[in-house]
Amino acid sequence: MTDIRGYYDQSYPPDILRPPTVPDPSITSLAPNTAVAGSGPVTVTVTGTDFVAGSVIEINQSAVPTTFVSATNLTTSYDPLTVGDKTFTVRNGGSGGEESNPSSFTVTASE
């Protein structure tokens, strides 16, 4: 009978058994960071660091369709319907992943 106990321990390096690490994203700016309520959709560019393919922009903790541009830029189309400050964050790795610092987007009333 062959002893197979050491086969798995020696065949795979320890790193292959660990889940991959997901970087902590960080937001440095939003462009634009203001809009007028009811003015229609605007493309918002989120600039920061450590974005990954699969990063998701969240507005007030709700995920929105996100386009990955690069490790430093993401975009989304946002339709500002209600007046007030909205909180943008970026999450890497799905709903349980690492979350960025918050960044404020202000929606003003039309004049």
PDB file of N, CA and C in Angstrom:
ATOM      1  N   MET A   1       0.846  -1.173   0.000  1.00  0.00           N
ATOM      2  CA  MET A   1       0.000   0.000   0.000  1.00  0.00           C
ATOM      3  C   MET A   1       0.895   1.241   0.000  1.00  0.00           C
ATOM      4  N   THR A   2       0.545   2.227  -0.815  1.00  0.00           N
ATOM      5  CA  THR A   2       1.332   3.451  -0.941  1.00  0.00           C
ATOM      6  C   THR A   2       0.844   4.486   0.059  1.00  0.00           C
ATOM      7  N   ASP A   3       1.785   5.148   0.708  1.00  0.00           N
ATOM      8  CA  ASP A   3       1.454   6.214   1.659  1.00  0.00           C
ATOM      9  C   ASP A   3       1.284   7.519   0.873  1.00  0.00           C
ATOM     10  N   ILE A   4       0.053   8.100   0.853  1.00  0.00           N
ATOM     11  CA  ILE A   4      -0.202   9.311   0.070  1.00  0.00           C
ATOM     12  C   ILE A   4      -0.299  10.567   0.928  1.00  0.00           C
ATOM     13  N   ARG A   5      -0.045  10.447   2.221  1.00  0.00           N
ATOM     14  CA  ARG A   5      -0.183  11.614   3.093  1.00  0.00           C
ATOM     15  C   ARG A   5       0.670  12.785   2.641  1.00  0.00           C
ATOM     16  N   GLY A   6       1.894  12.554   2.269  1.00  0.00           N
ATOM     17  CA  GLY A   6       2.786  13.640   1.887  1.00  0.00           C
ATOM     18  C   GLY A   6       2.564  14.150   0.481  1.00  0.00           C
ATOM     19  N   TYR A   7       1.785  13.449  -0.329  1.00  0.00           N
ATOM     20  CA  TYR A   7       1.601  13.838  -1.721  1.00  0.00           C
ATOM     21  C   TYR A   7       0.999  15.231  -1.837  1.00  0.00           C
ATOM     22  N   TYR A   8      -0.100  15.490  -1.172  1.00  0.00           N
ATOM     23  CA  TYR A   8      -0.761  16.786  -1.278  1.00  0.00           C
ATOM     24  C   TYR A   8       0.043  17.879  -0.588  1.00  0.00           C
ATOM     25  N   ASP A   9       0.652  17.562   0.538  1.00  0.00           N
ATOM     26  CA  ASP A   9       1.439  18.552   1.259  1.00  0.00           C
ATOM     27  C   ASP A   9       2.632  19.041   0.442  1.00  0.00           C
ATOM     28  N   GLN A  10       3.252  18.155  -0.325  1.00  0.00           N
ATOM     29  CA  GLN A  10       4.456  18.510  -1.055  1.00  0.00           C
ATOM     30  C   GLN A  10       4.175  18.927  -2.497  1.00  0.00           C
ATOM     31  N   SER A  11       3.049  18.588  -3.036  1.00  0.00           N
ATOM     32  CA  SER A  11       2.774  18.855  -4.446  1.00  0.00           C
ATOM     33  C   SER A  11       2.309  20.285  -4.694  1.00  0.00           C
ATOM     34  N   TYR A  12       1.652  20.883  -3.736  1.00  0.00           N
ATOM     35  CA  TYR A  12       1.121  22.225  -3.923  1.00  0.00           C
ATOM     36  C   TYR A  12       1.830  23.188  -2.986  1.00  0.00           C
ATOM     37  N   PRO A  13       2.356  24.277  -3.533  1.00  0.00           N
ATOM     38  CA  PRO A  13       2.960  25.257  -2.635  1.00  0.00           C
ATOM     39  C   PRO A  13       1.884  25.817  -1.702  1.00  0.00           C
ATOM     40  N   PRO A  14       2.243  26.205  -0.510  1.00  0.00           N
ATOM     41  CA  PRO A  14       1.239  26.693   0.453  1.00  0.00           C
ATOM     42  C   PRO A  14       0.399  27.841  -0.082  1.00  0.00           C
ATOM     43  N   ASP A  15       0.964  28.713  -0.934  1.00  0.00           N
ATOM     44  CA  ASP A  15       0.218  29.861  -1.436  1.00  0.00           C
ATOM     45  C   ASP A  15      -0.967  29.482  -2.308  1.00  0.00           C
ATOM     46  N   ILE A  16      -0.926  28.342  -2.935  1.00  0.00           N
ATOM     47  CA  ILE A  16      -2.022  27.946  -3.821  1.00  0.00           C
ATOM     48  C   ILE A  16      -3.280  27.625  -3.014  1.00  0.00           C
ATOM     49  N   LEU A  17      -3.125  27.307  -1.755  1.00  0.00           N
ATOM     50  CA  LEU A  17      -4.263  26.963  -0.913  1.00  0.00           C
ATOM     51  C   LEU A  17      -4.872  28.178  -0.232  1.00  0.00           C
ATOM     52  N   ARG A  18      -4.161  29.317  -0.237  1.00  0.00           N
ATOM     53  CA  ARG A  18      -4.685  30.538   0.374  1.00  0.00           C
ATOM     54  C   ARG A  18      -5.539  31.296  -0.629  1.00  0.00           C
ATOM     55  N   PRO A  19      -6.612  31.913  -0.175  1.00  0.00           N
ATOM     56  CA  PRO A  19      -7.388  32.730  -1.110  1.00  0.00           C
ATOM     57  C   PRO A  19      -6.561  33.956  -1.515  1.00  0.00           C
ATOM     58  N   PRO A  20      -6.763  34.446  -2.742  1.00  0.00           N
ATOM     59  CA  PRO A  20      -6.010  35.624  -3.158  1.00  0.00           C
ATOM     60  C   PRO A  20      -6.404  36.840  -2.323  1.00  0.00           C
ATOM     61  N   THR A  21      -5.465  37.723  -2.111  1.00  0.00           N
ATOM     62  CA  THR A  21      -5.774  38.926  -1.353  1.00  0.00           C
ATOM     63  C   THR A  21      -6.366  39.965  -2.292  1.00  0.00           C
ATOM     64  N   VAL A  22      -7.285  40.737  -1.774  1.00  0.00           N
ATOM     65  CA  VAL A  22      -7.938  41.792  -2.531  1.00  0.00           C
ATOM     66  C   VAL A  22      -7.460  43.115  -1.953  1.00  0.00           C
ATOM     67  N   PRO A  23      -6.939  44.005  -2.812  1.00  0.00           N
ATOM     68  CA  PRO A  23      -6.435  45.275  -2.277  1.00  0.00           C
ATOM     69  C   PRO A  23      -7.554  46.160  -1.745  1.00  0.00           C
ATOM     70  N   ASP A  24      -7.199  47.049  -0.851  1.00  0.00           N
ATOM     71  CA  ASP A  24      -8.138  48.043  -0.328  1.00  0.00           C
ATOM     72  C   ASP A  24      -8.199  49.203  -1.317  1.00  0.00           C
ATOM     73  N   PRO A  25      -9.353  49.438  -1.964  1.00  0.00           N
ATOM     74  CA  PRO A  25      -9.440  50.560  -2.895  1.00  0.00           C
ATOM     75  C   PRO A  25      -9.486  51.881  -2.140  1.00  0.00           C
ATOM     76  N   SER A  26      -9.123  52.945  -2.817  1.00  0.00           N
ATOM     77  CA  SER A  26      -9.158  54.272  -2.230  1.00  0.00           C
ATOM     78  C   SER A  26      -9.623  55.267  -3.281  1.00  0.00           C
ATOM     79  N   ILE A  27     -10.550  56.156  -2.905  1.00  0.00           N
ATOM     80  CA  ILE A  27     -11.035  57.196  -3.819  1.00  0.00           C
ATOM     81  C   ILE A  27     -10.292  58.489  -3.519  1.00  0.00           C
ATOM     82  N   THR A  28      -9.785  59.134  -4.584  1.00  0.00           N
ATOM     83  CA  THR A  28      -9.155  60.448  -4.423  1.00  0.00           C
ATOM     84  C   THR A  28     -10.050  61.567  -4.945  1.00  0.00           C
ATOM     85  N   SER A  29     -10.912  61.267  -5.954  1.00  0.00           N
ATOM     86  CA  SER A  29     -11.807  62.309  -6.459  1.00  0.00           C
ATOM     87  C   SER A  29     -12.939  61.723  -7.292  1.00  0.00           C
ATOM     88  N   LEU A  30     -13.987  62.546  -7.450  1.00  0.00           N
ATOM     89  CA  LEU A  30     -15.105  62.255  -8.345  1.00  0.00           C
ATOM     90  C   LEU A  30     -15.170  63.396  -9.355  1.00  0.00           C
ATOM     91  N   ALA A  31     -15.428  63.075 -10.615  1.00  0.00           N
ATOM     92  CA  ALA A  31     -15.566  64.132 -11.620  1.00  0.00           C
ATOM     93  C   ALA A  31     -16.735  63.804 -12.532  1.00  0.00           C
ATOM     94  N   PRO A  32     -17.771  64.620 -12.550  1.00  0.00           N
ATOM     95  CA  PRO A  32     -17.985  65.754 -11.662  1.00  0.00           C
ATOM     96  C   PRO A  32     -18.368  65.262 -10.268  1.00  0.00           C
ATOM     97  N   ASN A  33     -18.390  66.194  -9.313  1.00  0.00           N
ATOM     98  CA  ASN A  33     -18.810  65.824  -7.958  1.00  0.00           C
ATOM     99  C   ASN A  33     -20.080  66.567  -7.542  1.00  0.00           C
ATOM    100  N   THR A  34     -20.710  67.240  -8.518  1.00  0.00           N
ATOM    101  CA  THR A  34     -21.997  67.900  -8.294  1.00  0.00           C
ATOM    102  C   THR A  34     -22.855  67.763  -9.542  1.00  0.00           C
ATOM    103  N   ALA A  35     -24.171  67.863  -9.346  1.00  0.00           N
ATOM    104  CA  ALA A  35     -25.116  67.851 -10.460  1.00  0.00           C
ATOM    105  C   ALA A  35     -26.411  68.486  -9.972  1.00  0.00           C
ATOM    106  N   VAL A  36     -27.257  68.863 -10.917  1.00  0.00           N
ATOM    107  CA  VAL A  36     -28.560  69.454 -10.606  1.00  0.00           C
ATOM    108  C   VAL A  36     -29.613  68.352 -10.674  1.00  0.00           C
ATOM    109  N   ALA A  37     -30.468  68.295  -9.645  1.00  0.00           N
ATOM    110  CA  ALA A  37     -31.529  67.283  -9.605  1.00  0.00           C
ATOM    111  C   ALA A  37     -32.403  67.394 -10.839  1.00  0.00           C
ATOM    112  N   GLY A  38     -32.691  66.261 -11.444  1.00  0.00           N
ATOM    113  CA  GLY A  38     -33.561  66.215 -12.600  1.00  0.00           C
ATOM    114  C   GLY A  38     -32.910  66.630 -13.908  1.00  0.00           C
ATOM    115  N   SER A  39     -31.603  66.837 -13.912  1.00  0.00           N
ATOM    116  CA  SER A  39     -30.914  67.295 -15.128  1.00  0.00           C
ATOM    117  C   SER A  39     -30.598  66.153 -16.090  1.00  0.00           C
ATOM    118  N   GLY A  40     -30.844  64.925 -15.676  1.00  0.00           N
ATOM    119  CA  GLY A  40     -30.564  63.776 -16.531  1.00  0.00           C
ATOM    120  C   GLY A  40     -29.265  63.095 -16.142  1.00  0.00           C
ATOM    121  N   PRO A  41     -29.032  61.922 -16.709  1.00  0.00           N
ATOM    122  CA  PRO A  41     -27.849  61.138 -16.342  1.00  0.00           C
ATOM    123  C   PRO A  41     -26.541  61.868 -16.651  1.00  0.00           C
ATOM    124  N   VAL A  42     -25.571  61.656 -15.784  1.00  0.00           N
ATOM    125  CA  VAL A  42     -24.232  62.200 -15.951  1.00  0.00           C
ATOM    126  C   VAL A  42     -23.241  61.054 -15.757  1.00  0.00           C
ATOM    127  N   THR A  43     -22.176  61.047 -16.551  1.00  0.00           N
ATOM    128  CA  THR A  43     -21.136  60.040 -16.375  1.00  0.00           C
ATOM    129  C   THR A  43     -20.178  60.540 -15.303  1.00  0.00           C
ATOM    130  N   VAL A  44     -20.056  59.775 -14.236  1.00  0.00           N
ATOM    131  CA  VAL A  44     -19.168  60.129 -13.132  1.00  0.00           C
ATOM    132  C   VAL A  44     -17.923  59.254 -13.217  1.00  0.00           C
ATOM    133  N   THR A  45     -16.762  59.900 -13.207  1.00  0.00           N
ATOM    134  CA  THR A  45     -15.486  59.190 -13.186  1.00  0.00           C
ATOM    135  C   THR A  45     -14.968  59.182 -11.758  1.00  0.00           C
ATOM    136  N   VAL A  46     -14.727  58.006 -11.233  1.00  0.00           N
ATOM    137  CA  VAL A  46     -14.159  57.847  -9.896  1.00  0.00           C
ATOM    138  C   VAL A  46     -12.664  57.588 -10.075  1.00  0.00           C
ATOM    139  N   THR A  47     -11.843  58.457  -9.494  1.00  0.00           N
ATOM    140  CA  THR A  47     -10.395  58.315  -9.579  1.00  0.00           C
ATOM    141  C   THR A  47      -9.875  57.902  -8.220  1.00  0.00           C
ATOM    142  N   GLY A  48      -8.905  56.990  -8.213  1.00  0.00           N
ATOM    143  CA  GLY A  48      -8.346  56.521  -6.954  1.00  0.00           C
ATOM    144  C   GLY A  48      -7.221  55.541  -7.199  1.00  0.00           C
ATOM    145  N   THR A  49      -7.088  54.592  -6.287  1.00  0.00           N
ATOM    146  CA  THR A  49      -6.032  53.594  -6.386  1.00  0.00           C
ATOM    147  C   THR A  49      -6.574  52.210  -6.054  1.00  0.00           C
ATOM    148  N   ASP A  50      -5.880  51.204  -6.568  1.00  0.00           N
ATOM    149  CA  ASP A  50      -6.149  49.796  -6.280  1.00  0.00           C
ATOM    150  C   ASP A  50      -7.529  49.315  -6.709  1.00  0.00           C
ATOM    151  N   PHE A  51      -8.047  49.858  -7.825  1.00  0.00           N
ATOM    152  CA  PHE A  51      -9.267  49.308  -8.401  1.00  0.00           C
ATOM    153  C   PHE A  51      -8.886  48.061  -9.189  1.00  0.00           C
ATOM    154  N   VAL A  52      -9.792  47.096  -9.235  1.00  0.00           N
ATOM    155  CA  VAL A  52      -9.546  45.844  -9.955  1.00  0.00           C
ATOM    156  C   VAL A  52     -10.723  45.578 -10.886  1.00  0.00           C
ATOM    157  N   ALA A  53     -10.480  44.732 -11.904  1.00  0.00           N
ATOM    158  CA  ALA A  53     -11.595  44.298 -12.740  1.00  0.00           C
ATOM    159  C   ALA A  53     -12.606  43.650 -11.794  1.00  0.00           C
ATOM    160  N   GLY A  54     -13.818  44.082 -11.838  1.00  0.00           N
ATOM    161  CA  GLY A  54     -14.827  43.586 -10.901  1.00  0.00           C
ATOM    162  C   GLY A  54     -15.101  44.548  -9.759  1.00  0.00           C
ATOM    163  N   SER A  55     -14.341  45.644  -9.659  1.00  0.00           N
ATOM    164  CA  SER A  55     -14.651  46.676  -8.661  1.00  0.00           C
ATOM    165  C   SER A  55     -16.038  47.233  -8.967  1.00  0.00           C
ATOM    166  N   VAL A  56     -16.766  47.580  -7.920  1.00  0.00           N
ATOM    167  CA  VAL A  56     -18.122  48.093  -8.080  1.00  0.00           C
ATOM    168  C   VAL A  56     -18.253  49.417  -7.343  1.00  0.00           C
ATOM    169  N   ILE A  57     -18.810  50.410  -8.043  1.00  0.00           N
ATOM    170  CA  ILE A  57     -19.141  51.681  -7.401  1.00  0.00           C
ATOM    171  C   ILE A  57     -20.451  51.486  -6.656  1.00  0.00           C
ATOM    172  N   GLU A  58     -20.508  52.016  -5.435  1.00  0.00           N
ATOM    173  CA  GLU A  58     -21.745  52.007  -4.656  1.00  0.00           C
ATOM    174  C   GLU A  58     -22.138  53.444  -4.371  1.00  0.00           C
ATOM    175  N   ILE A  59     -23.423  53.733  -4.517  1.00  0.00           N
ATOM    176  CA  ILE A  59     -23.947  55.056  -4.179  1.00  0.00           C
ATOM    177  C   ILE A  59     -24.917  54.846  -3.034  1.00  0.00           C
ATOM    178  N   ASN A  60     -24.608  55.470  -1.903  1.00  0.00           N
ATOM    179  CA  ASN A  60     -25.411  55.267  -0.682  1.00  0.00           C
ATOM    180  C   ASN A  60     -25.601  53.784  -0.398  1.00  0.00           C
ATOM    181  N   GLN A  61     -24.533  53.019  -0.520  1.00  0.00           N
ATOM    182  CA  GLN A  61     -24.442  51.595  -0.202  1.00  0.00           C
ATOM    183  C   GLN A  61     -25.180  50.681  -1.173  1.00  0.00           C
ATOM    184  N   SER A  62     -25.607  51.216  -2.337  1.00  0.00           N
ATOM    185  CA  SER A  62     -26.247  50.385  -3.359  1.00  0.00           C
ATOM    186  C   SER A  62     -25.334  50.307  -4.572  1.00  0.00           C
ATOM    187  N   ALA A  63     -25.026  49.090  -4.996  1.00  0.00           N
ATOM    188  CA  ALA A  63     -24.157  48.888  -6.154  1.00  0.00           C
ATOM    189  C   ALA A  63     -24.828  49.409  -7.415  1.00  0.00           C
ATOM    190  N   VAL A  64     -24.036  50.037  -8.275  1.00  0.00           N
ATOM    191  CA  VAL A  64     -24.529  50.540  -9.555  1.00  0.00           C
ATOM    192  C   VAL A  64     -23.669  49.961 -10.671  1.00  0.00           C
ATOM    193  N   PRO A  65     -24.203  49.887 -11.907  1.00  0.00           N
ATOM    194  CA  PRO A  65     -23.390  49.388 -13.021  1.00  0.00           C
ATOM    195  C   PRO A  65     -22.088  50.202 -13.123  1.00  0.00           C
ATOM    196  N   THR A  66     -20.983  49.495 -13.206  1.00  0.00           N
ATOM    197  CA  THR A  66     -19.663  50.120 -13.169  1.00  0.00           C
ATOM    198  C   THR A  66     -18.825  49.653 -14.347  1.00  0.00           C
ATOM    199  N   THR A  67     -18.099  50.593 -14.943  1.00  0.00           N
ATOM    200  CA  THR A  67     -17.155  50.259 -16.009  1.00  0.00           C
ATOM    201  C   THR A  67     -15.746  50.409 -15.458  1.00  0.00           C
ATOM    202  N   PHE A  68     -14.978  49.324 -15.547  1.00  0.00           N
ATOM    203  CA  PHE A  68     -13.572  49.350 -15.134  1.00  0.00           C
ATOM    204  C   PHE A  68     -12.773  49.954 -16.286  1.00  0.00           C
ATOM    205  N   VAL A  69     -12.082  51.063 -16.011  1.00  0.00           N
ATOM    206  CA  VAL A  69     -11.248  51.714 -17.017  1.00  0.00           C
ATOM    207  C   VAL A  69      -9.788  51.339 -16.784  1.00  0.00           C
ATOM    208  N   SER A  70      -9.371  51.446 -15.518  1.00  0.00           N
ATOM    209  CA  SER A  70      -7.991  51.110 -15.150  1.00  0.00           C
ATOM    210  C   SER A  70      -7.923  50.935 -13.644  1.00  0.00           C
ATOM    211  N   ALA A  71      -6.738  50.647 -13.132  1.00  0.00           N
ATOM    212  CA  ALA A  71      -6.549  50.487 -11.689  1.00  0.00           C
ATOM    213  C   ALA A  71      -6.755  51.798 -10.941  1.00  0.00           C
ATOM    214  N   THR A  72      -6.882  52.905 -11.703  1.00  0.00           N
ATOM    215  CA  THR A  72      -7.071  54.213 -11.064  1.00  0.00           C
ATOM    216  C   THR A  72      -8.360  54.916 -11.491  1.00  0.00           C
ATOM    217  N   ASN A  73      -9.138  54.317 -12.405  1.00  0.00           N
ATOM    218  CA  ASN A  73     -10.367  54.963 -12.880  1.00  0.00           C
ATOM    219  C   ASN A  73     -11.499  53.969 -13.106  1.00  0.00           C
ATOM    220  N   LEU A  74     -12.677  54.354 -12.615  1.00  0.00           N
ATOM    221  CA  LEU A  74     -13.920  53.636 -12.854  1.00  0.00           C
ATOM    222  C   LEU A  74     -14.944  54.671 -13.304  1.00  0.00           C
ATOM    223  N   THR A  75     -15.966  54.250 -14.056  1.00  0.00           N
ATOM    224  CA  THR A  75     -17.036  55.174 -14.425  1.00  0.00           C
ATOM    225  C   THR A  75     -18.389  54.533 -14.177  1.00  0.00           C
ATOM    226  N   THR A  76     -19.395  55.400 -14.011  1.00  0.00           N
ATOM    227  CA  THR A  76     -20.779  54.966 -13.907  1.00  0.00           C
ATOM    228  C   THR A  76     -21.664  56.076 -14.430  1.00  0.00           C
ATOM    229  N   SER A  77     -22.855  55.722 -14.867  1.00  0.00           N
ATOM    230  CA  SER A  77     -23.846  56.708 -15.258  1.00  0.00           C
ATOM    231  C   SER A  77     -24.768  56.906 -14.065  1.00  0.00           C
ATOM    232  N   TYR A  78     -24.902  58.165 -13.629  1.00  0.00           N
ATOM    233  CA  TYR A  78     -25.711  58.455 -12.447  1.00  0.00           C
ATOM    234  C   TYR A  78     -26.766  59.485 -12.798  1.00  0.00           C
ATOM    235  N   ASP A  79     -28.018  59.210 -12.459  1.00  0.00           N
ATOM    236  CA  ASP A  79     -29.127  60.123 -12.712  1.00  0.00           C
ATOM    237  C   ASP A  79     -29.544  60.768 -11.386  1.00  0.00           C
ATOM    238  N   PRO A  80     -29.122  62.007 -11.150  1.00  0.00           N
ATOM    239  CA  PRO A  80     -29.401  62.670  -9.875  1.00  0.00           C
ATOM    240  C   PRO A  80     -30.854  63.141  -9.787  1.00  0.00           C
ATOM    241  N   LEU A  81     -31.671  62.399  -9.100  1.00  0.00           N
ATOM    242  CA  LEU A  81     -33.094  62.720  -9.028  1.00  0.00           C
ATOM    243  C   LEU A  81     -33.486  63.501  -7.779  1.00  0.00           C
ATOM    244  N   THR A  82     -32.778  63.296  -6.675  1.00  0.00           N
ATOM    245  CA  THR A  82     -33.160  63.954  -5.426  1.00  0.00           C
ATOM    246  C   THR A  82     -32.017  64.814  -4.892  1.00  0.00           C
ATOM    247  N   VAL A  83     -32.375  65.945  -4.302  1.00  0.00           N
ATOM    248  CA  VAL A  83     -31.412  66.887  -3.751  1.00  0.00           C
ATOM    249  C   VAL A  83     -30.763  66.305  -2.502  1.00  0.00           C
ATOM    250  N   GLY A  84     -29.477  66.561  -2.342  1.00  0.00           N
ATOM    251  CA  GLY A  84     -28.765  66.139  -1.137  1.00  0.00           C
ATOM    252  C   GLY A  84     -27.395  65.578  -1.462  1.00  0.00           C
ATOM    253  N   ASP A  85     -26.670  65.240  -0.410  1.00  0.00           N
ATOM    254  CA  ASP A  85     -25.348  64.643  -0.574  1.00  0.00           C
ATOM    255  C   ASP A  85     -25.491  63.139  -0.728  1.00  0.00           C
ATOM    256  N   LYS A  86     -24.789  62.594  -1.703  1.00  0.00           N
ATOM    257  CA  LYS A  86     -24.764  61.160  -1.952  1.00  0.00           C
ATOM    258  C   LYS A  86     -23.355  60.666  -1.640  1.00  0.00           C
ATOM    259  N   THR A  87     -23.252  59.477  -1.071  1.00  0.00           N
ATOM    260  CA  THR A  87     -21.958  58.909  -0.712  1.00  0.00           C
ATOM    261  C   THR A  87     -21.549  57.866  -1.741  1.00  0.00           C
ATOM    262  N   PHE A  88     -20.414  58.105  -2.401  1.00  0.00           N
ATOM    263  CA  PHE A  88     -19.844  57.159  -3.348  1.00  0.00           C
ATOM    264  C   PHE A  88     -18.745  56.378  -2.649  1.00  0.00           C
ATOM    265  N   THR A  89     -18.727  55.070  -2.842  1.00  0.00           N
ATOM    266  CA  THR A  89     -17.641  54.216  -2.383  1.00  0.00           C
ATOM    267  C   THR A  89     -17.343  53.221  -3.499  1.00  0.00           C
ATOM    268  N   VAL A  90     -16.200  52.555  -3.396  1.00  0.00           N
ATOM    269  CA  VAL A  90     -15.838  51.492  -4.328  1.00  0.00           C
ATOM    270  C   VAL A  90     -15.592  50.247  -3.508  1.00  0.00           C
ATOM    271  N   ARG A  91     -16.104  49.122  -4.006  1.00  0.00           N
ATOM    272  CA  ARG A  91     -15.911  47.849  -3.318  1.00  0.00           C
ATOM    273  C   ARG A  91     -15.188  46.893  -4.262  1.00  0.00           C
ATOM    274  N   ASN A  92     -14.116  46.300  -3.758  1.00  0.00           N
ATOM    275  CA  ASN A  92     -13.379  45.265  -4.497  1.00  0.00           C
ATOM    276  C   ASN A  92     -13.786  43.903  -3.964  1.00  0.00           C
ATOM    277  N   GLY A  93     -14.012  42.955  -4.837  1.00  0.00           N
ATOM    278  CA  GLY A  93     -14.249  41.584  -4.400  1.00  0.00           C
ATOM    279  C   GLY A  93     -15.669  41.260  -4.018  1.00  0.00           C
ATOM    280  N   GLY A  94     -16.649  41.930  -4.584  1.00  0.00           N
ATOM    281  CA  GLY A  94     -18.044  41.584  -4.322  1.00  0.00           C
ATOM    282  C   GLY A  94     -18.559  42.175  -3.026  1.00  0.00           C
ATOM    283  N   SER A  95     -19.739  41.737  -2.604  1.00  0.00           N
ATOM    284  CA  SER A  95     -20.424  42.345  -1.465  1.00  0.00           C
ATOM    285  C   SER A  95     -19.656  42.204  -0.152  1.00  0.00           C
ATOM    286  N   GLY A  96     -18.810  41.200  -0.036  1.00  0.00           N
ATOM    287  CA  GLY A  96     -18.036  41.034   1.188  1.00  0.00           C
ATOM    288  C   GLY A  96     -16.624  41.562   1.074  1.00  0.00           C
ATOM    289  N   GLY A  97     -16.321  42.230  -0.047  1.00  0.00           N
ATOM    290  CA  GLY A  97     -14.957  42.681  -0.311  1.00  0.00           C
ATOM    291  C   GLY A  97     -14.582  43.953   0.407  1.00  0.00           C
ATOM    292  N   GLU A  98     -13.375  44.388   0.121  1.00  0.00           N
ATOM    293  CA  GLU A  98     -12.835  45.589   0.741  1.00  0.00           C
ATOM    294  C   GLU A  98     -13.534  46.828   0.194  1.00  0.00           C
ATOM    295  N   GLU A  99     -13.841  47.783   1.088  1.00  0.00           N
ATOM    296  CA  GLU A  99     -14.540  49.007   0.709  1.00  0.00           C
ATOM    297  C   GLU A  99     -13.615  50.203   0.856  1.00  0.00           C
ATOM    298  N   SER A 100     -13.746  51.153  -0.074  1.00  0.00           N
ATOM    299  CA  SER A 100     -12.933  52.364  -0.049  1.00  0.00           C
ATOM    300  C   SER A 100     -13.445  53.364   0.972  1.00  0.00           C
ATOM    301  N   ASN A 101     -12.704  54.441   1.078  1.00  0.00           N
ATOM    302  CA  ASN A 101     -13.165  55.597   1.833  1.00  0.00           C
ATOM    303  C   ASN A 101     -14.360  56.215   1.097  1.00  0.00           C
ATOM    304  N   PRO A 102     -15.245  56.915   1.798  1.00  0.00           N
ATOM    305  CA  PRO A 102     -16.384  57.555   1.133  1.00  0.00           C
ATOM    306  C   PRO A 102     -15.966  58.860   0.454  1.00  0.00           C
ATOM    307  N   SER A 103     -16.681  59.200  -0.610  1.00  0.00           N
ATOM    308  CA  SER A 103     -16.481  60.478  -1.295  1.00  0.00           C
ATOM    309  C   SER A 103     -17.861  61.070  -1.567  1.00  0.00           C
ATOM    310  N   SER A 104     -18.004  62.369  -1.368  1.00  0.00           N
ATOM    311  CA  SER A 104     -19.299  63.014  -1.436  1.00  0.00           C
ATOM    312  C   SER A 104     -19.609  63.557  -2.831  1.00  0.00           C
ATOM    313  N   PHE A 105     -20.863  63.353  -3.257  1.00  0.00           N
ATOM    314  CA  PHE A 105     -21.403  63.881  -4.504  1.00  0.00           C
ATOM    315  C   PHE A 105     -22.626  64.684  -4.118  1.00  0.00           C
ATOM    316  N   THR A 106     -22.675  65.966  -4.498  1.00  0.00           N
ATOM    317  CA  THR A 106     -23.765  66.845  -4.082  1.00  0.00           C
ATOM    318  C   THR A 106     -24.741  67.064  -5.214  1.00  0.00           C
ATOM    319  N   VAL A 107     -26.027  66.834  -4.934  1.00  0.00           N
ATOM    320  CA  VAL A 107     -27.091  67.093  -5.893  1.00  0.00           C
ATOM    321  C   VAL A 107     -27.840  68.319  -5.398  1.00  0.00           C
ATOM    322  N   THR A 108     -27.881  69.367  -6.255  1.00  0.00           N
ATOM    323  CA  THR A 108     -28.524  70.632  -5.893  1.00  0.00           C
ATOM    324  C   THR A 108     -29.865  70.769  -6.599  1.00  0.00           C
ATOM    325  N   ALA A 109     -30.687  71.703  -6.100  1.00  0.00           N
ATOM    326  CA  ALA A 109     -31.968  71.978  -6.720  1.00  0.00           C
ATOM    327  C   ALA A 109     -31.754  72.856  -7.941  1.00  0.00           C
ATOM    328  N   SER A 110     -32.639  72.715  -8.921  1.00  0.00           N
ATOM    329  CA  SER A 110     -32.554  73.582 -10.094  1.00  0.00           C
ATOM    330  C   SER A 110     -32.967  74.999  -9.687  1.00  0.00           C
ATOM    331  N   GLU A 111     -32.410  75.967 -10.374  1.00  0.00           N
ATOM    332  CA  GLU A 111     -32.704  77.383 -10.019  1.00  0.00           C
ATOM    333  C   GLU A 111     -33.899  77.894 -10.738  1.00  0.00           C
TER     334      GLU A 111
END
